[in-house]
Full PDB file with SEQRES, HELIX, SHEET, SSBOND, CRYST1, ORIGX, SCALE, CONECT and MASTER records, all heavy atoms in Angstrom:
SEQRES   1 A   43  GLU ASN GLY ALA PHE ASN PRO PHE ASP THR GLU ASN ILE          
SEQRES   2 A   43  VAL ILE SER SER LEU GLN PHE ALA LYS SER LYS ALA ALA          
SEQRES   3 A   43  TYR ILE LYS SER THR ASN TRP ASP LEU VAL ILE ILE ASP          
SEQRES   4 A   43  GLU ALA HIS ARG                                              
HELIX    1 AA1 LEU A   18  SER A   23  1                                   6    
HELIX    2 AA2 ALA A   25  LYS A   29  1                                   5    
CRYST1    1.000    1.000    1.000  90.00  90.00  90.00 P 1           1          
ORIGX1      1.000000  0.000000  0.000000        0.00000                         
ORIGX2      0.000000  1.000000  0.000000        0.00000                         
ORIGX3      0.000000  0.000000  1.000000        0.00000                         
SCALE1      1.000000  0.000000  0.000000        0.00000                         
SCALE2      0.000000  1.000000  0.000000        0.00000                         
SCALE3      0.000000  0.000000  1.000000        0.00000                         
ATOM      1  N   GLU A   1       5.430  -0.452  15.374  1.00  0.00           N  
ATOM      2  CA  GLU A   1       5.698  -0.423  16.821  1.00  0.00           C  
ATOM      3  C   GLU A   1       4.537  -0.988  17.640  1.00  0.00           C  
ATOM      4  O   GLU A   1       4.734  -1.523  18.728  1.00  0.00           O  
ATOM      5  CB  GLU A   1       5.996   1.009  17.254  1.00  0.00           C  
ATOM      6  CG  GLU A   1       7.341   1.536  16.725  1.00  0.00           C  
ATOM      7  CD  GLU A   1       7.537   3.008  17.004  1.00  0.00           C  
ATOM      8  OE1 GLU A   1       6.620   3.612  17.634  1.00  0.00           O  
ATOM      9  OE2 GLU A   1       8.579   3.580  16.597  1.00  0.00           O  
ATOM     10  N   ASN A   2       3.330  -0.861  17.097  1.00  0.00           N  
ATOM     11  CA  ASN A   2       2.146  -1.391  17.791  1.00  0.00           C  
ATOM     12  C   ASN A   2       1.927  -2.879  17.526  1.00  0.00           C  
ATOM     13  O   ASN A   2       0.906  -3.439  17.935  1.00  0.00           O  
ATOM     14  CB  ASN A   2       0.900  -0.604  17.391  1.00  0.00           C  
ATOM     15  CG  ASN A   2       0.913   0.809  17.938  1.00  0.00           C  
ATOM     16  OD1 ASN A   2       1.501   1.082  18.985  1.00  0.00           O  
ATOM     17  ND2 ASN A   2       0.251   1.732  17.229  1.00  0.00           N  
ATOM     18  N   GLY A   3       2.857  -3.492  16.817  1.00  0.00           N  
ATOM     19  CA  GLY A   3       2.799  -4.941  16.633  1.00  0.00           C  
ATOM     20  C   GLY A   3       2.252  -5.418  15.309  1.00  0.00           C  
ATOM     21  O   GLY A   3       2.090  -6.623  15.097  1.00  0.00           O  
ATOM     22  N   ALA A   4       1.940  -4.507  14.372  1.00  0.00           N  
ATOM     23  CA  ALA A   4       1.389  -4.907  13.078  1.00  0.00           C  
ATOM     24  C   ALA A   4       2.472  -5.566  12.229  1.00  0.00           C  
ATOM     25  O   ALA A   4       3.583  -5.048  12.111  1.00  0.00           O  
ATOM     26  CB  ALA A   4       0.803  -3.712  12.344  1.00  0.00           C  
ATOM     27  N   PHE A   5       2.166  -6.704  11.649  1.00  0.00           N  
ATOM     28  CA  PHE A   5       3.112  -7.384  10.775  1.00  0.00           C  
ATOM     29  C   PHE A   5       3.215  -6.675   9.426  1.00  0.00           C  
ATOM     30  O   PHE A   5       4.282  -6.552   8.859  1.00  0.00           O  
ATOM     31  CB  PHE A   5       2.687  -8.842  10.574  1.00  0.00           C  
ATOM     32  CG  PHE A   5       3.596  -9.613   9.675  1.00  0.00           C  
ATOM     33  CD1 PHE A   5       4.857 -10.007  10.107  1.00  0.00           C  
ATOM     34  CD2 PHE A   5       3.205  -9.940   8.376  1.00  0.00           C  
ATOM     35  CE1 PHE A   5       5.710 -10.717   9.263  1.00  0.00           C  
ATOM     36  CE2 PHE A   5       4.043 -10.647   7.538  1.00  0.00           C  
ATOM     37  CZ  PHE A   5       5.298 -11.041   7.975  1.00  0.00           C  
ATOM     38  N   ASN A   6       2.062  -6.215   8.909  1.00  0.00           N  
ATOM     39  CA  ASN A   6       2.002  -5.492   7.644  1.00  0.00           C  
ATOM     40  C   ASN A   6       1.034  -4.325   7.801  1.00  0.00           C  
ATOM     41  O   ASN A   6      -0.183  -4.507   7.735  1.00  0.00           O  
ATOM     42  CB  ASN A   6       1.549  -6.409   6.509  1.00  0.00           C  
ATOM     43  CG  ASN A   6       1.530  -5.704   5.152  1.00  0.00           C  
ATOM     44  OD1 ASN A   6       1.810  -4.508   5.038  1.00  0.00           O  
ATOM     45  ND2 ASN A   6       1.186  -6.448   4.104  1.00  0.00           N  
ATOM     46  N   PRO A   7       1.527  -3.111   7.976  1.00  0.00           N  
ATOM     47  CA  PRO A   7       0.646  -1.954   8.176  1.00  0.00           C  
ATOM     48  C   PRO A   7      -0.332  -1.714   7.028  1.00  0.00           C  
ATOM     49  O   PRO A   7      -1.378  -1.087   7.221  1.00  0.00           O  
ATOM     50  CB  PRO A   7       1.630  -0.782   8.305  1.00  0.00           C  
ATOM     51  CG  PRO A   7       2.900  -1.406   8.792  1.00  0.00           C  
ATOM     52  CD  PRO A   7       2.950  -2.743   8.126  1.00  0.00           C  
ATOM     53  N   PHE A   8      -0.003  -2.176   5.818  1.00  0.00           N  
ATOM     54  CA  PHE A   8      -0.896  -2.000   4.679  1.00  0.00           C  
ATOM     55  C   PHE A   8      -2.126  -2.902   4.767  1.00  0.00           C  
ATOM     56  O   PHE A   8      -3.135  -2.634   4.112  1.00  0.00           O  
ATOM     57  CB  PHE A   8      -0.164  -2.273   3.366  1.00  0.00           C  
ATOM     58  CG  PHE A   8       0.738  -1.162   2.930  1.00  0.00           C  
ATOM     59  CD1 PHE A   8       2.051  -1.104   3.345  1.00  0.00           C  
ATOM     60  CD2 PHE A   8       0.274  -0.154   2.088  1.00  0.00           C  
ATOM     61  CE1 PHE A   8       2.888  -0.073   2.951  1.00  0.00           C  
ATOM     62  CE2 PHE A   8       1.103   0.881   1.670  1.00  0.00           C  
ATOM     63  CZ  PHE A   8       2.415   0.918   2.111  1.00  0.00           C  
ATOM     64  N   ASP A   9      -2.038  -3.954   5.553  1.00  0.00           N  
ATOM     65  CA  ASP A   9      -3.144  -4.905   5.695  1.00  0.00           C  
ATOM     66  C   ASP A   9      -4.108  -4.386   6.758  1.00  0.00           C  
ATOM     67  O   ASP A   9      -4.051  -4.759   7.921  1.00  0.00           O  
ATOM     68  CB  ASP A   9      -2.609  -6.286   6.069  1.00  0.00           C  
ATOM     69  CG  ASP A   9      -3.656  -7.376   5.918  1.00  0.00           C  
ATOM     70  OD1 ASP A   9      -4.785  -7.071   5.471  1.00  0.00           O  
ATOM     71  OD2 ASP A   9      -3.350  -8.541   6.224  1.00  0.00           O  
ATOM     72  N   THR A  10      -5.020  -3.509   6.359  1.00  0.00           N  
ATOM     73  CA  THR A  10      -5.937  -2.854   7.274  1.00  0.00           C  
ATOM     74  C   THR A  10      -7.333  -2.813   6.682  1.00  0.00           C  
ATOM     75  O   THR A  10      -7.514  -3.005   5.474  1.00  0.00           O  
ATOM     76  CB  THR A  10      -5.456  -1.424   7.597  1.00  0.00           C  
ATOM     77  OG1 THR A  10      -6.409  -0.766   8.415  1.00  0.00           O  
ATOM     78  CG2 THR A  10      -5.261  -0.626   6.324  1.00  0.00           C  
ATOM     79  N   GLU A  11      -8.333  -2.542   7.527  1.00  0.00           N  
ATOM     80  CA  GLU A  11      -9.718  -2.495   7.086  1.00  0.00           C  
ATOM     81  C   GLU A  11     -10.096  -1.147   6.484  1.00  0.00           C  
ATOM     82  O   GLU A  11     -11.179  -0.992   5.956  1.00  0.00           O  
ATOM     83  CB  GLU A  11     -10.650  -2.805   8.266  1.00  0.00           C  
ATOM     84  CG  GLU A  11     -10.628  -4.263   8.704  1.00  0.00           C  
ATOM     85  CD  GLU A  11     -11.253  -5.196   7.662  1.00  0.00           C  
ATOM     86  OE1 GLU A  11     -12.334  -4.885   7.166  1.00  0.00           O  
ATOM     87  OE2 GLU A  11     -10.627  -6.215   7.345  1.00  0.00           O  
ATOM     88  N   ASN A  12      -9.223  -0.155   6.578  1.00  0.00           N  
ATOM     89  CA  ASN A  12      -9.473   1.143   5.970  1.00  0.00           C  
ATOM     90  C   ASN A  12      -8.868   1.209   4.566  1.00  0.00           C  
ATOM     91  O   ASN A  12      -7.960   0.441   4.232  1.00  0.00           O  
ATOM     92  CB  ASN A  12      -8.877   2.270   6.815  1.00  0.00           C  
ATOM     93  CG  ASN A  12      -9.582   2.418   8.148  1.00  0.00           C  
ATOM     94  OD1 ASN A  12     -10.786   2.243   8.249  1.00  0.00           O  
ATOM     95  ND2 ASN A  12      -8.824   2.732   9.189  1.00  0.00           N  
ATOM     96  N   ILE A  13      -9.385   2.113   3.749  1.00  0.00           N  
ATOM     97  CA  ILE A  13      -8.763   2.371   2.457  1.00  0.00           C  
ATOM     98  C   ILE A  13      -7.393   2.979   2.697  1.00  0.00           C  
ATOM     99  O   ILE A  13      -7.249   3.931   3.452  1.00  0.00           O  
ATOM    100  CB  ILE A  13      -9.638   3.321   1.610  1.00  0.00           C  
ATOM    101  CG1 ILE A  13     -10.996   2.682   1.324  1.00  0.00           C  
ATOM    102  CG2 ILE A  13      -8.938   3.676   0.300  1.00  0.00           C  
ATOM    103  CD1 ILE A  13     -11.977   3.611   0.652  1.00  0.00           C  
ATOM    104  N   VAL A  14      -6.374   2.429   2.070  1.00  0.00           N  
ATOM    105  CA  VAL A  14      -5.002   2.891   2.258  1.00  0.00           C  
ATOM    106  C   VAL A  14      -4.647   3.865   1.138  1.00  0.00           C  
ATOM    107  O   VAL A  14      -4.844   3.572  -0.039  1.00  0.00           O  
ATOM    108  CB  VAL A  14      -4.011   1.720   2.277  1.00  0.00           C  
ATOM    109  CG1 VAL A  14      -2.577   2.241   2.425  1.00  0.00           C  
ATOM    110  CG2 VAL A  14      -4.335   0.755   3.408  1.00  0.00           C  
ATOM    111  N   ILE A  15      -4.112   5.021   1.515  1.00  0.00           N  
ATOM    112  CA  ILE A  15      -3.668   6.041   0.557  1.00  0.00           C  
ATOM    113  C   ILE A  15      -2.165   6.207   0.710  1.00  0.00           C  
ATOM    114  O   ILE A  15      -1.667   6.481   1.802  1.00  0.00           O  
ATOM    115  CB  ILE A  15      -4.393   7.378   0.792  1.00  0.00           C  
ATOM    116  CG1 ILE A  15      -5.909   7.193   0.658  1.00  0.00           C  
ATOM    117  CG2 ILE A  15      -3.901   8.435  -0.198  1.00  0.00           C  
ATOM    118  CD1 ILE A  15      -6.703   8.424   1.032  1.00  0.00           C  
ATOM    119  N   SER A  16      -1.439   6.061  -0.385  1.00  0.00           N  
ATOM    120  CA  SER A  16       0.025   6.122  -0.347  1.00  0.00           C  
ATOM    121  C   SER A  16       0.550   6.940  -1.515  1.00  0.00           C  
ATOM    122  O   SER A  16      -0.051   6.970  -2.591  1.00  0.00           O  
ATOM    123  CB  SER A  16       0.616   4.707  -0.391  1.00  0.00           C  
ATOM    124  OG  SER A  16       2.026   4.730  -0.580  1.00  0.00           O  
ATOM    125  N   SER A  17       1.674   7.605  -1.304  1.00  0.00           N  
ATOM    126  CA  SER A  17       2.341   8.311  -2.392  1.00  0.00           C  
ATOM    127  C   SER A  17       3.079   7.315  -3.281  1.00  0.00           C  
ATOM    128  O   SER A  17       3.331   6.170  -2.893  1.00  0.00           O  
ATOM    129  CB  SER A  17       3.330   9.341  -1.840  1.00  0.00           C  
ATOM    130  OG  SER A  17       4.442   8.685  -1.240  1.00  0.00           O  
ATOM    131  N   LEU A  18       3.410   7.747  -4.485  1.00  0.00           N  
ATOM    132  CA  LEU A  18       4.143   6.895  -5.415  1.00  0.00           C  
ATOM    133  C   LEU A  18       5.490   6.484  -4.838  1.00  0.00           C  
ATOM    134  O   LEU A  18       5.872   5.305  -4.899  1.00  0.00           O  
ATOM    135  CB  LEU A  18       4.352   7.631  -6.742  1.00  0.00           C  
ATOM    136  CG  LEU A  18       3.090   7.900  -7.577  1.00  0.00           C  
ATOM    137  CD1 LEU A  18       3.345   9.015  -8.569  1.00  0.00           C  
ATOM    138  CD2 LEU A  18       2.683   6.639  -8.320  1.00  0.00           C  
ATOM    139  N   GLN A  19       6.211   7.449  -4.266  1.00  0.00           N  
ATOM    140  CA  GLN A  19       7.531   7.183  -3.724  1.00  0.00           C  
ATOM    141  C   GLN A  19       7.469   6.211  -2.557  1.00  0.00           C  
ATOM    142  O   GLN A  19       8.278   5.294  -2.449  1.00  0.00           O  
ATOM    143  CB  GLN A  19       8.194   8.491  -3.299  1.00  0.00           C  
ATOM    144  CG  GLN A  19       9.670   8.376  -2.922  1.00  0.00           C  
ATOM    145  CD  GLN A  19      10.555   8.124  -4.114  1.00  0.00           C  
ATOM    146  OE1 GLN A  19      10.266   8.580  -5.205  1.00  0.00           O  
ATOM    147  NE2 GLN A  19      11.634   7.378  -3.925  1.00  0.00           N  
ATOM    148  N   PHE A  20       6.479   6.403  -1.673  1.00  0.00           N  
ATOM    149  CA  PHE A  20       6.364   5.525  -0.513  1.00  0.00           C  
ATOM    150  C   PHE A  20       5.935   4.121  -0.941  1.00  0.00           C  
ATOM    151  O   PHE A  20       6.398   3.126  -0.373  1.00  0.00           O  
ATOM    152  CB  PHE A  20       5.361   6.095   0.485  1.00  0.00           C  
ATOM    153  CG  PHE A  20       5.418   5.447   1.836  1.00  0.00           C  
ATOM    154  CD1 PHE A  20       6.415   5.792   2.732  1.00  0.00           C  
ATOM    155  CD2 PHE A  20       4.500   4.491   2.213  1.00  0.00           C  
ATOM    156  CE1 PHE A  20       6.495   5.193   3.983  1.00  0.00           C  
ATOM    157  CE2 PHE A  20       4.559   3.892   3.461  1.00  0.00           C  
ATOM    158  CZ  PHE A  20       5.562   4.243   4.341  1.00  0.00           C  
ATOM    159  N   ALA A  21       5.053   4.042  -1.933  1.00  0.00           N  
ATOM    160  CA  ALA A  21       4.645   2.740  -2.452  1.00  0.00           C  
ATOM    161  C   ALA A  21       5.835   1.985  -3.021  1.00  0.00           C  
ATOM    162  O   ALA A  21       5.955   0.771  -2.854  1.00  0.00           O  
ATOM    163  CB  ALA A  21       3.566   2.916  -3.526  1.00  0.00           C  
ATOM    164  N   LYS A  22       6.714   2.716  -3.682  1.00  0.00           N  
ATOM    165  CA  LYS A  22       7.915   2.086  -4.225  1.00  0.00           C  
ATOM    166  C   LYS A  22       8.824   1.576  -3.110  1.00  0.00           C  
ATOM    167  O   LYS A  22       9.353   0.460  -3.182  1.00  0.00           O  
ATOM    168  CB  LYS A  22       8.646   3.087  -5.116  1.00  0.00           C  
ATOM    169  CG  LYS A  22       9.921   2.535  -5.759  1.00  0.00           C  
ATOM    170  CD  LYS A  22      11.156   3.153  -5.194  1.00  0.00           C  
ATOM    171  CE  LYS A  22      12.421   2.693  -5.887  1.00  0.00           C  
ATOM    172  NZ  LYS A  22      13.653   3.288  -5.308  1.00  0.00           N  
ATOM    173  N   SER A  23       8.994   2.378  -2.061  1.00  0.00           N  
ATOM    174  CA  SER A  23       9.892   1.994  -0.968  1.00  0.00           C  
ATOM    175  C   SER A  23       9.331   0.841  -0.140  1.00  0.00           C  
ATOM    176  O   SER A  23      10.091   0.101   0.483  1.00  0.00           O  
ATOM    177  CB  SER A  23      10.170   3.200  -0.065  1.00  0.00           C  
ATOM    178  OG  SER A  23       8.989   3.632   0.595  1.00  0.00           O  
ATOM    179  N   LYS A  24       8.008   0.671  -0.115  1.00  0.00           N  
ATOM    180  CA  LYS A  24       7.374  -0.400   0.667  1.00  0.00           C  
ATOM    181  C   LYS A  24       6.708  -1.426  -0.245  1.00  0.00           C  
ATOM    182  O   LYS A  24       5.701  -2.037   0.100  1.00  0.00           O  
ATOM    183  CB  LYS A  24       6.336   0.197   1.628  1.00  0.00           C  
ATOM    184  CG  LYS A  24       6.880   1.282   2.555  1.00  0.00           C  
ATOM    185  CD  LYS A  24       7.993   0.760   3.459  1.00  0.00           C  
ATOM    186  CE  LYS A  24       8.514   1.861   4.373  1.00  0.00           C  
ATOM    187  NZ  LYS A  24       9.688   1.408   5.200  1.00  0.00           N  
ATOM    188  N   ALA A  25       7.292  -1.631  -1.404  1.00  0.00           N  
ATOM    189  CA  ALA A  25       6.696  -2.520  -2.405  1.00  0.00           C  
ATOM    190  C   ALA A  25       6.500  -3.942  -1.878  1.00  0.00           C  
ATOM    191  O   ALA A  25       5.526  -4.614  -2.232  1.00  0.00           O  
ATOM    192  CB  ALA A  25       7.568  -2.535  -3.664  1.00  0.00           C  
ATOM    193  N   ALA A  26       7.404  -4.405  -1.044  1.00  0.00           N  
ATOM    194  CA  ALA A  26       7.301  -5.769  -0.518  1.00  0.00           C  
ATOM    195  C   ALA A  26       6.028  -5.944   0.318  1.00  0.00           C  
ATOM    196  O   ALA A  26       5.355  -6.977   0.249  1.00  0.00           O  
ATOM    197  CB  ALA A  26       8.532  -6.099   0.322  1.00  0.00           C  
ATOM    198  N   TYR A  27       5.690  -4.929   1.107  1.00  0.00           N  
ATOM    199  CA  TYR A  27       4.470  -4.984   1.916  1.00  0.00           C  
ATOM    200  C   TYR A  27       3.225  -4.922   1.030  1.00  0.00           C  
ATOM    201  O   TYR A  27       2.235  -5.616   1.293  1.00  0.00           O  
ATOM    202  CB  TYR A  27       4.450  -3.831   2.928  1.00  0.00           C  
ATOM    203  CG  TYR A  27       5.486  -3.946   4.012  1.00  0.00           C  
ATOM    204  CD1 TYR A  27       6.744  -3.361   3.861  1.00  0.00           C  
ATOM    205  CD2 TYR A  27       5.217  -4.624   5.194  1.00  0.00           C  
ATOM    206  CE1 TYR A  27       7.703  -3.461   4.857  1.00  0.00           C  
ATOM    207  CE2 TYR A  27       6.168  -4.725   6.200  1.00  0.00           C  
ATOM    208  CZ  TYR A  27       7.407  -4.148   6.020  1.00  0.00           C  
ATOM    209  OH  TYR A  27       8.349  -4.240   7.011  1.00  0.00           O  
ATOM    210  N   ILE A  28       3.271  -4.085   0.007  1.00  0.00           N  
ATOM    211  CA  ILE A  28       2.133  -3.962  -0.910  1.00  0.00           C  
ATOM    212  C   ILE A  28       1.918  -5.267  -1.667  1.00  0.00           C  
ATOM    213  O   ILE A  28       0.790  -5.722  -1.846  1.00  0.00           O  
ATOM    214  CB  ILE A  28       2.365  -2.792  -1.890  1.00  0.00           C  
ATOM    215  CG1 ILE A  28       2.301  -1.457  -1.129  1.00  0.00           C  
ATOM    216  CG2 ILE A  28       1.343  -2.812  -3.024  1.00  0.00           C  
ATOM    217  CD1 ILE A  28       2.607  -0.246  -1.978  1.00  0.00           C  
ATOM    218  N   LYS A  29       3.004  -5.884  -2.105  1.00  0.00           N  
ATOM    219  CA  LYS A  29       2.910  -7.126  -2.864  1.00  0.00           C  
ATOM    220  C   LYS A  29       2.316  -8.257  -2.036  1.00  0.00           C  
ATOM    221  O   LYS A  29       1.595  -9.108  -2.562  1.00  0.00           O  
ATOM    222  CB  LYS A  29       4.292  -7.520  -3.379  1.00  0.00           C  
ATOM    223  CG  LYS A  29       4.278  -8.681  -4.365  1.00  0.00           C  
ATOM    224  CD  LYS A  29       5.660  -8.928  -4.940  1.00  0.00           C  
ATOM    225  CE  LYS A  29       5.617 -10.039  -5.984  1.00  0.00           C  
ATOM    226  NZ  LYS A  29       6.957 -10.235  -6.614  1.00  0.00           N  
ATOM    227  N   SER A  30       2.588  -8.257  -0.742  1.00  0.00           N  
ATOM    228  CA  SER A  30       2.113  -9.341   0.125  1.00  0.00           C  
ATOM    229  C   SER A  30       0.674  -9.137   0.594  1.00  0.00           C  
ATOM    230  O   SER A  30       0.117 -10.001   1.277  1.00  0.00           O  
ATOM    231  CB  SER A  30       3.026  -9.482   1.342  1.00  0.00           C  
ATOM    232  OG  SER A  30       2.987  -8.315   2.159  1.00  0.00           O  
ATOM    233  N   THR A  31       0.063  -7.998   0.237  1.00  0.00           N  
ATOM    234  CA  THR A  31      -1.319  -7.715   0.624  1.00  0.00           C  
ATOM    235  C   THR A  31      -2.270  -8.150  -0.491  1.00  0.00           C  
ATOM    236  O   THR A  31      -2.039  -7.863  -1.662  1.00  0.00           O  
ATOM    237  CB  THR A  31      -1.522  -6.216   0.904  1.00  0.00           C  
ATOM    238  OG1 THR A  31      -0.575  -5.786   1.890  1.00  0.00           O  
ATOM    239  CG2 THR A  31      -2.928  -5.946   1.429  1.00  0.00           C  
ATOM    240  N   ASN A  32      -3.330  -8.818  -0.119  1.00  0.00           N  
ATOM    241  CA  ASN A  32      -4.288  -9.348  -1.090  1.00  0.00           C  
ATOM    242  C   ASN A  32      -5.311  -8.268  -1.452  1.00  0.00           C  
ATOM    243  O   ASN A  32      -6.466  -8.311  -1.023  1.00  0.00           O  
ATOM    244  CB  ASN A  32      -4.981 -10.585  -0.522  1.00  0.00           C  
ATOM    245  CG  ASN A  32      -5.844 -11.289  -1.556  1.00  0.00           C  
ATOM    246  OD1 ASN A  32      -5.594 -11.196  -2.762  1.00  0.00           O  
ATOM    247  ND2 ASN A  32      -6.865 -11.994  -1.094  1.00  0.00           N  
ATOM    248  N   TRP A  33      -4.921  -7.331  -2.274  1.00  0.00           N  
ATOM    249  CA  TRP A  33      -5.770  -6.187  -2.610  1.00  0.00           C  
ATOM    250  C   TRP A  33      -6.954  -6.595  -3.471  1.00  0.00           C  
ATOM    251  O   TRP A  33      -6.811  -7.350  -4.426  1.00  0.00           O  
ATOM    252  CB  TRP A  33      -4.956  -5.121  -3.358  1.00  0.00           C  
ATOM    253  CG  TRP A  33      -3.789  -4.591  -2.589  1.00  0.00           C  
ATOM    254  CD1 TRP A  33      -2.463  -4.863  -2.826  1.00  0.00           C  
ATOM    255  CD2 TRP A  33      -3.822  -3.711  -1.468  1.00  0.00           C  
ATOM    256  NE1 TRP A  33      -1.682  -4.212  -1.915  1.00  0.00           N  
ATOM    257  CE2 TRP A  33      -2.492  -3.494  -1.066  1.00  0.00           C  
ATOM    258  CE3 TRP A  33      -4.853  -3.090  -0.761  1.00  0.00           C  
ATOM    259  CZ2 TRP A  33      -2.159  -2.678   0.008  1.00  0.00           C  
ATOM    260  CZ3 TRP A  33      -4.529  -2.282   0.317  1.00  0.00           C  
ATOM    261  CH2 TRP A  33      -3.192  -2.081   0.693  1.00  0.00           C  
ATOM    262  N   ASP A  34      -8.120  -6.062  -3.129  1.00  0.00           N  
ATOM    263  CA  ASP A  34      -9.295  -6.228  -3.973  1.00  0.00           C  
ATOM    264  C   ASP A  34      -9.261  -5.264  -5.158  1.00  0.00           C  
ATOM    265  O   ASP A  34      -9.781  -5.568  -6.229  1.00  0.00           O  
ATOM    266  CB  ASP A  34     -10.576  -5.996  -3.162  1.00  0.00           C  
ATOM    267  CG  ASP A  34     -10.749  -7.026  -2.062  1.00  0.00           C  
ATOM    268  OD1 ASP A  34     -10.710  -8.231  -2.367  1.00  0.00           O  
ATOM    269  OD2 ASP A  34     -10.919  -6.622  -0.884  1.00  0.00           O  
ATOM    270  N   LEU A  35      -8.644  -4.097  -4.944  1.00  0.00           N  
ATOM    271  CA  LEU A  35      -8.559  -3.100  -6.001  1.00  0.00           C  
ATOM    272  C   LEU A  35      -7.434  -2.125  -5.681  1.00  0.00           C  
ATOM    273  O   LEU A  35      -7.252  -1.726  -4.537  1.00  0.00           O  
ATOM    274  CB  LEU A  35      -9.879  -2.330  -6.139  1.00  0.00           C  
ATOM    275  CG  LEU A  35      -9.905  -1.224  -7.216  1.00  0.00           C  
ATOM    276  CD1 LEU A  35      -9.852  -1.835  -8.611  1.00  0.00           C  
ATOM    277  CD2 LEU A  35     -11.149  -0.349  -7.072  1.00  0.00           C  
ATOM    278  N   VAL A  36      -6.691  -1.737  -6.727  1.00  0.00           N  
ATOM    279  CA  VAL A  36      -5.656  -0.708  -6.611  1.00  0.00           C  
ATOM    280  C   VAL A  36      -5.987   0.403  -7.590  1.00  0.00           C  
ATOM    281  O   VAL A  36      -6.181   0.156  -8.785  1.00  0.00           O  
ATOM    282  CB  VAL A  36      -4.250  -1.263  -6.910  1.00  0.00           C  
ATOM    283  CG1 VAL A  36      -3.212  -0.139  -6.809  1.00  0.00           C  
ATOM    284  CG2 VAL A  36      -3.897  -2.392  -5.955  1.00  0.00           C  
ATOM    285  N   ILE A  37      -6.079   1.633  -7.098  1.00  0.00           N  
ATOM    286  CA  ILE A  37      -6.322   2.807  -7.940  1.00  0.00           C  
ATOM    287  C   ILE A  37      -5.052   3.644  -7.971  1.00  0.00           C  
ATOM    288  O   ILE A  37      -4.482   3.964  -6.929  1.00  0.00           O  
ATOM    289  CB  ILE A  37      -7.499   3.641  -7.411  1.00  0.00           C  
ATOM    290  CG1 ILE A  37      -8.812   2.870  -7.601  1.00  0.00           C  
ATOM    291  CG2 ILE A  37      -7.582   4.989  -8.129  1.00  0.00           C  
ATOM    292  CD1 ILE A  37     -10.030   3.592  -7.068  1.00  0.00           C  
ATOM    293  N   ILE A  38      -4.611   4.004  -9.174  1.00  0.00           N  
ATOM    294  CA  ILE A  38      -3.420   4.843  -9.346  1.00  0.00           C  
ATOM    295  C   ILE A  38      -3.855   6.162  -9.972  1.00  0.00           C  
ATOM    296  O   ILE A  38      -4.298   6.191 -11.125  1.00  0.00           O  
ATOM    297  CB  ILE A  38      -2.356   4.161 -10.215  1.00  0.00           C  
ATOM    298  CG1 ILE A  38      -1.953   2.809  -9.606  1.00  0.00           C  
ATOM    299  CG2 ILE A  38      -1.125   5.054 -10.339  1.00  0.00           C  
ATOM    300  CD1 ILE A  38      -0.938   2.042 -10.431  1.00  0.00           C  
ATOM    301  N   ASP A  39      -3.758   7.234  -9.211  1.00  0.00           N  
ATOM    302  CA  ASP A  39      -4.100   8.563  -9.697  1.00  0.00           C  
ATOM    303  C   ASP A  39      -2.890   9.204 -10.359  1.00  0.00           C  
ATOM    304  O   ASP A  39      -1.750   8.926  -9.990  1.00  0.00           O  
ATOM    305  CB  ASP A  39      -4.599   9.429  -8.536  1.00  0.00           C  
ATOM    306  CG  ASP A  39      -5.244  10.726  -9.008  1.00  0.00           C  
ATOM    307  OD1 ASP A  39      -5.590  10.826 -10.216  1.00  0.00           O  
ATOM    308  OD2 ASP A  39      -5.407  11.650  -8.183  1.00  0.00           O  
ATOM    309  N   GLU A  40      -3.129  10.067 -11.339  1.00  0.00           N  
ATOM    310  CA  GLU A  40      -2.050  10.679 -12.121  1.00  0.00           C  
ATOM    311  C   GLU A  40      -1.114   9.596 -12.656  1.00  0.00           C  
ATOM    312  O   GLU A  40       0.116   9.670 -12.552  1.00  0.00           O  
ATOM    313  CB  GLU A  40      -1.279  11.698 -11.280  1.00  0.00           C  
ATOM    314  CG  GLU A  40      -2.111  12.828 -10.699  1.00  0.00           C  
ATOM    315  CD  GLU A  40      -2.649  13.783 -11.750  1.00  0.00           C  
ATOM    316  OE1 GLU A  40      -2.061  13.873 -12.840  1.00  0.00           O  
ATOM    317  OE2 GLU A  40      -3.665  14.450 -11.487  1.00  0.00           O  
ATOM    318  N   ALA A  41      -1.725   8.579 -13.253  1.00  0.00           N  
ATOM    319  CA  ALA A  41      -0.983   7.386 -13.661  1.00  0.00           C  
ATOM    320  C   ALA A  41       0.047   7.660 -14.747  1.00  0.00           C  
ATOM    321  O   ALA A  41       0.935   6.837 -14.976  1.00  0.00           O  
ATOM    322  CB  ALA A  41      -1.961   6.301 -14.134  1.00  0.00           C  
ATOM    323  N   HIS A  42      -0.052   8.805 -15.431  1.00  0.00           N  
ATOM    324  CA  HIS A  42       0.935   9.121 -16.471  1.00  0.00           C  
ATOM    325  C   HIS A  42       2.346   9.248 -15.901  1.00  0.00           C  
ATOM    326  O   HIS A  42       3.315   9.199 -16.656  1.00  0.00           O  
ATOM    327  CB  HIS A  42       0.555  10.417 -17.198  1.00  0.00           C  
ATOM    328  CG  HIS A  42       0.342  11.588 -16.293  1.00  0.00           C  
ATOM    329  ND1 HIS A  42      -0.884  11.905 -15.773  1.00  0.00           N  
ATOM    330  CD2 HIS A  42       1.207  12.502 -15.810  1.00  0.00           C  
ATOM    331  CE1 HIS A  42      -0.759  12.980 -15.004  1.00  0.00           C  
ATOM    332  NE2 HIS A  42       0.496  13.367 -15.012  1.00  0.00           N  
ATOM    333  N   ARG A  43       2.459   9.402 -14.584  1.00  0.00           N  
ATOM    334  CA  ARG A  43       3.783   9.432 -13.973  1.00  0.00           C  
ATOM    335  C   ARG A  43       4.499   8.088 -14.091  1.00  0.00           C  
ATOM    336  O   ARG A  43       5.712   8.009 -13.884  1.00  0.00           O  
ATOM    337  CB  ARG A  43       3.682   9.853 -12.514  1.00  0.00           C  
ATOM    338  CG  ARG A  43       3.138  11.258 -12.309  1.00  0.00           C  
ATOM    339  CD  ARG A  43       3.448  11.782 -10.942  1.00  0.00           C  
ATOM    340  NE  ARG A  43       2.990  13.155 -10.768  1.00  0.00           N  
ATOM    341  CZ  ARG A  43       3.399  13.967  -9.809  1.00  0.00           C  
ATOM    342  NH1 ARG A  43       4.287  13.548  -8.932  1.00  0.00           N  
ATOM    343  NH2 ARG A  43       2.938  15.199  -9.704  1.00  0.00           N  
TER     344      ARG A  43                                                      
MASTER        0    0    0    2    0    0    0    6  343    1    0    4          
END                                                                             
């Protein structure tokens, strides 16, 4: 609503749940991540 094209593309560390990451996969894929950390990865 504030005009962001991709809310994941930010200068802060982004924290997301597994379910939300799945639902917004297109936005995550289009972001040029330097590093992705997956906690409780056995899920």
